[in-house]
Amino acid sequence: MGLITGLLTLPLAPVRGAVWVAEQIKQHAERQYYDPALIQRQIADVDDAHAAGELTDHERDELQADLLARLFEAQRRRDAGEM
C-alpha cells in the first residue's frame, strides 16, 4: 500500500478493524456450532432428558433431527475444507 493510499484510507481503519473482529467472532461461533463432539454431547443430553421424562417423544425427535442436520452439515463443511 502506498503512502497516499494509506493516508486516504486511514479514516476507514476503525471500520476495517471492526469488520475483522466481527468475522473472527463469526468464525469462532461457527466452529463451536458445528463441533461434532459438542453436537454428540447434545444428542446424549436430549436422550437423557427424554429418559428422565423431561421431553416427549415428539420433542426428542425434533431436537435430534436438528442436531443430526447440524452434524451432517459439519461433516460436509469438513469434507469441503471450510473448517
N, C-alpha and C. Protein backbone atom coordinates (compact mmCIF):
# COMPACT_ATOMS: atom_id res chain seq x y z
N MET A 1 0.86 -1.16 0.00
CA MET A 1 0.00 0.00 0.00
C MET A 1 0.90 1.22 0.00
N GLY A 2 0.62 2.14 -0.91
CA GLY A 2 1.43 3.34 -1.00
C GLY A 2 1.08 4.34 0.09
N LEU A 3 1.93 5.33 0.22
CA LEU A 3 1.74 6.35 1.25
C LEU A 3 0.43 7.11 1.05
N ILE A 4 0.15 7.52 -0.19
CA ILE A 4 -1.07 8.28 -0.47
C ILE A 4 -2.31 7.42 -0.18
N THR A 5 -2.29 6.19 -0.67
CA THR A 5 -3.42 5.30 -0.43
C THR A 5 -3.61 5.06 1.06
N GLY A 6 -2.51 4.87 1.77
CA GLY A 6 -2.58 4.66 3.22
C GLY A 6 -3.19 5.85 3.94
N LEU A 7 -2.80 7.04 3.53
CA LEU A 7 -3.34 8.24 4.17
C LEU A 7 -4.82 8.45 3.83
N LEU A 8 -5.17 8.18 2.57
CA LEU A 8 -6.56 8.37 2.16
C LEU A 8 -7.51 7.36 2.79
N THR A 9 -7.03 6.16 3.04
CA THR A 9 -7.90 5.13 3.61
C THR A 9 -7.78 5.04 5.13
N LEU A 10 -6.95 5.88 5.73
CA LEU A 10 -6.77 5.86 7.18
C LEU A 10 -8.09 6.04 7.94
N PRO A 11 -8.99 6.92 7.51
CA PRO A 11 -10.26 7.04 8.25
C PRO A 11 -11.09 5.76 8.27
N LEU A 12 -10.83 4.84 7.33
CA LEU A 12 -11.57 3.58 7.28
C LEU A 12 -10.97 2.51 8.18
N ALA A 13 -9.83 2.76 8.78
CA ALA A 13 -9.16 1.76 9.60
C ALA A 13 -10.05 1.23 10.72
N PRO A 14 -10.76 2.07 11.46
CA PRO A 14 -11.63 1.52 12.51
C PRO A 14 -12.72 0.60 11.95
N VAL A 15 -13.24 0.93 10.79
CA VAL A 15 -14.27 0.10 10.18
C VAL A 15 -13.67 -1.25 9.78
N ARG A 16 -12.50 -1.24 9.16
CA ARG A 16 -11.84 -2.49 8.78
C ARG A 16 -11.55 -3.33 10.01
N GLY A 17 -11.13 -2.67 11.09
CA GLY A 17 -10.86 -3.40 12.33
C GLY A 17 -12.12 -4.02 12.90
N ALA A 18 -13.22 -3.29 12.88
CA ALA A 18 -14.48 -3.81 13.40
C ALA A 18 -14.98 -4.98 12.54
N VAL A 19 -14.82 -4.86 11.24
CA VAL A 19 -15.23 -5.94 10.34
C VAL A 19 -14.39 -7.19 10.60
N TRP A 20 -13.10 -7.01 10.81
CA TRP A 20 -12.21 -8.14 11.09
C TRP A 20 -12.63 -8.83 12.39
N VAL A 21 -12.90 -8.05 13.43
CA VAL A 21 -13.31 -8.62 14.72
C VAL A 21 -14.62 -9.38 14.55
N ALA A 22 -15.58 -8.79 13.84
CA ALA A 22 -16.87 -9.46 13.61
C ALA A 22 -16.68 -10.78 12.87
N GLU A 23 -15.80 -10.79 11.89
CA GLU A 23 -15.52 -12.01 11.13
C GLU A 23 -14.89 -13.08 12.03
N GLN A 24 -13.99 -12.68 12.90
CA GLN A 24 -13.36 -13.63 13.82
C GLN A 24 -14.40 -14.22 14.77
N ILE A 25 -15.30 -13.39 15.28
CA ILE A 25 -16.35 -13.86 16.18
C ILE A 25 -17.27 -14.84 15.44
N LYS A 26 -17.62 -14.51 14.21
CA LYS A 26 -18.48 -15.38 13.40
C LYS A 26 -17.82 -16.74 13.18
N GLN A 27 -16.54 -16.73 12.82
CA GLN A 27 -15.83 -17.99 12.58
C GLN A 27 -15.77 -18.83 13.85
N HIS A 28 -15.50 -18.20 14.99
CA HIS A 28 -15.43 -18.93 16.25
C HIS A 28 -16.80 -19.53 16.60
N ALA A 29 -17.85 -18.75 16.42
CA ALA A 29 -19.20 -19.24 16.71
C ALA A 29 -19.56 -20.42 15.81
N GLU A 30 -19.20 -20.33 14.53
CA GLU A 30 -19.49 -21.43 13.60
C GLU A 30 -18.70 -22.68 13.96
N ARG A 31 -17.45 -22.51 14.38
CA ARG A 31 -16.65 -23.68 14.79
C ARG A 31 -17.31 -24.37 15.97
N GLN A 32 -17.80 -23.60 16.93
CA GLN A 32 -18.48 -24.20 18.08
C GLN A 32 -19.81 -24.83 17.67
N TYR A 33 -20.58 -24.13 16.86
CA TYR A 33 -21.90 -24.61 16.45
C TYR A 33 -21.80 -25.92 15.69
N TYR A 34 -20.76 -26.08 14.88
CA TYR A 34 -20.60 -27.28 14.07
C TYR A 34 -19.56 -28.24 14.63
N ASP A 35 -19.22 -28.13 15.90
CA ASP A 35 -18.27 -29.04 16.53
C ASP A 35 -18.93 -30.40 16.74
N PRO A 36 -18.45 -31.44 16.05
CA PRO A 36 -19.10 -32.76 16.15
C PRO A 36 -19.16 -33.30 17.58
N ALA A 37 -18.12 -33.09 18.35
CA ALA A 37 -18.11 -33.59 19.73
C ALA A 37 -19.20 -32.91 20.56
N LEU A 38 -19.36 -31.62 20.37
CA LEU A 38 -20.39 -30.88 21.10
C LEU A 38 -21.79 -31.33 20.67
N ILE A 39 -21.97 -31.54 19.38
CA ILE A 39 -23.28 -31.98 18.88
C ILE A 39 -23.61 -33.37 19.43
N GLN A 40 -22.62 -34.25 19.47
CA GLN A 40 -22.86 -35.60 20.00
C GLN A 40 -23.21 -35.54 21.50
N ARG A 41 -22.57 -34.64 22.24
CA ARG A 41 -22.92 -34.47 23.66
C ARG A 41 -24.36 -33.96 23.79
N GLN A 42 -24.74 -33.05 22.90
CA GLN A 42 -26.11 -32.52 22.94
C GLN A 42 -27.13 -33.60 22.60
N ILE A 43 -26.80 -34.49 21.68
CA ILE A 43 -27.69 -35.61 21.36
C ILE A 43 -27.84 -36.50 22.59
N ALA A 44 -26.74 -36.76 23.27
CA ALA A 44 -26.79 -37.57 24.50
C ALA A 44 -27.62 -36.87 25.58
N ASP A 45 -27.48 -35.55 25.68
CA ASP A 45 -28.28 -34.78 26.65
C ASP A 45 -29.77 -34.87 26.34
N VAL A 46 -30.10 -34.84 25.06
CA VAL A 46 -31.50 -34.97 24.66
C VAL A 46 -32.03 -36.35 25.04
N ASP A 47 -31.22 -37.38 24.80
CA ASP A 47 -31.63 -38.73 25.19
C ASP A 47 -31.83 -38.84 26.70
N ASP A 48 -30.92 -38.25 27.45
CA ASP A 48 -31.02 -38.28 28.91
C ASP A 48 -32.28 -37.55 29.39
N ALA A 49 -32.56 -36.40 28.78
CA ALA A 49 -33.75 -35.63 29.16
C ALA A 49 -35.02 -36.41 28.82
N HIS A 50 -35.01 -37.11 27.71
CA HIS A 50 -36.16 -37.93 27.33
C HIS A 50 -36.33 -39.08 28.31
N ALA A 51 -35.23 -39.73 28.67
CA ALA A 51 -35.30 -40.85 29.62
C ALA A 51 -35.78 -40.39 30.99
N ALA A 52 -35.47 -39.15 31.35
CA ALA A 52 -35.90 -38.60 32.64
C ALA A 52 -37.33 -38.09 32.59
N GLY A 53 -37.96 -38.15 31.42
CA GLY A 53 -39.34 -37.70 31.29
C GLY A 53 -39.48 -36.20 31.09
N GLU A 54 -38.37 -35.52 30.80
CA GLU A 54 -38.41 -34.07 30.61
C GLU A 54 -38.83 -33.68 29.20
N LEU A 55 -38.74 -34.63 28.28
CA LEU A 55 -39.11 -34.37 26.88
C LEU A 55 -40.07 -35.45 26.40
N THR A 56 -41.00 -35.04 25.56
CA THR A 56 -41.89 -36.02 24.93
C THR A 56 -41.14 -36.67 23.77
N ASP A 57 -41.73 -37.72 23.23
CA ASP A 57 -41.13 -38.38 22.07
C ASP A 57 -41.00 -37.41 20.90
N HIS A 58 -42.04 -36.62 20.70
CA HIS A 58 -42.04 -35.65 19.61
C HIS A 58 -40.95 -34.60 19.79
N GLU A 59 -40.81 -34.07 20.99
CA GLU A 59 -39.77 -33.06 21.26
C GLU A 59 -38.38 -33.66 21.05
N ARG A 60 -38.19 -34.89 21.55
CA ARG A 60 -36.90 -35.56 21.36
C ARG A 60 -36.59 -35.74 19.88
N ASP A 61 -37.58 -36.20 19.12
CA ASP A 61 -37.36 -36.43 17.69
C ASP A 61 -37.01 -35.14 16.96
N GLU A 62 -37.69 -34.05 17.29
CA GLU A 62 -37.39 -32.76 16.64
C GLU A 62 -35.98 -32.28 16.99
N LEU A 63 -35.62 -32.36 18.27
CA LEU A 63 -34.28 -31.92 18.68
C LEU A 63 -33.20 -32.78 18.03
N GLN A 64 -33.42 -34.09 18.01
CA GLN A 64 -32.43 -34.97 17.39
C GLN A 64 -32.31 -34.71 15.90
N ALA A 65 -33.41 -34.44 15.23
CA ALA A 65 -33.36 -34.15 13.80
C ALA A 65 -32.55 -32.88 13.54
N ASP A 66 -32.75 -31.86 14.36
CA ASP A 66 -31.98 -30.61 14.21
C ASP A 66 -30.50 -30.86 14.46
N LEU A 67 -30.20 -31.63 15.50
CA LEU A 67 -28.80 -31.90 15.83
C LEU A 67 -28.13 -32.76 14.76
N LEU A 68 -28.86 -33.73 14.23
CA LEU A 68 -28.29 -34.55 13.16
C LEU A 68 -28.05 -33.73 11.89
N ALA A 69 -28.94 -32.80 11.60
CA ALA A 69 -28.74 -31.92 10.44
C ALA A 69 -27.46 -31.10 10.63
N ARG A 70 -27.24 -30.59 11.85
CA ARG A 70 -26.01 -29.85 12.13
C ARG A 70 -24.79 -30.76 11.99
N LEU A 71 -24.90 -31.99 12.45
CA LEU A 71 -23.78 -32.93 12.36
C LEU A 71 -23.45 -33.24 10.90
N PHE A 72 -24.47 -33.43 10.08
CA PHE A 72 -24.24 -33.68 8.65
C PHE A 72 -23.62 -32.45 7.98
N GLU A 73 -24.08 -31.26 8.36
CA GLU A 73 -23.51 -30.02 7.81
C GLU A 73 -22.05 -29.87 8.25
N ALA A 74 -21.76 -30.23 9.48
CA ALA A 74 -20.37 -30.17 9.96
C ALA A 74 -19.48 -31.09 9.13
N GLN A 75 -19.99 -32.30 8.83
CA GLN A 75 -19.23 -33.24 8.02
C GLN A 75 -19.03 -32.69 6.60
N ARG A 76 -20.09 -32.09 6.04
CA ARG A 76 -19.98 -31.52 4.69
C ARG A 76 -18.94 -30.41 4.66
N ARG A 77 -18.97 -29.54 5.68
CA ARG A 77 -18.00 -28.44 5.75
C ARG A 77 -16.58 -28.96 5.89
N ARG A 78 -16.41 -29.99 6.71
CA ARG A 78 -15.08 -30.57 6.91
C ARG A 78 -14.57 -31.18 5.61
N ASP A 79 -15.45 -31.89 4.90
CA ASP A 79 -15.06 -32.51 3.62
C ASP A 79 -14.74 -31.46 2.57
N ALA A 80 -15.42 -30.31 2.64
CA ALA A 80 -15.19 -29.24 1.67
C ALA A 80 -14.02 -28.35 2.08
N GLY A 81 -13.46 -28.61 3.25
CA GLY A 81 -12.32 -27.81 3.71
C GLY A 81 -12.70 -26.45 4.24
N GLU A 82 -13.95 -26.27 4.62
CA GLU A 82 -14.41 -24.98 5.10
C GLU A 82 -14.07 -24.77 6.58
N MET A 83 -13.71 -25.82 7.29
CA MET A 83 -13.44 -25.66 8.71
C MET A 83 -12.03 -26.07 9.03
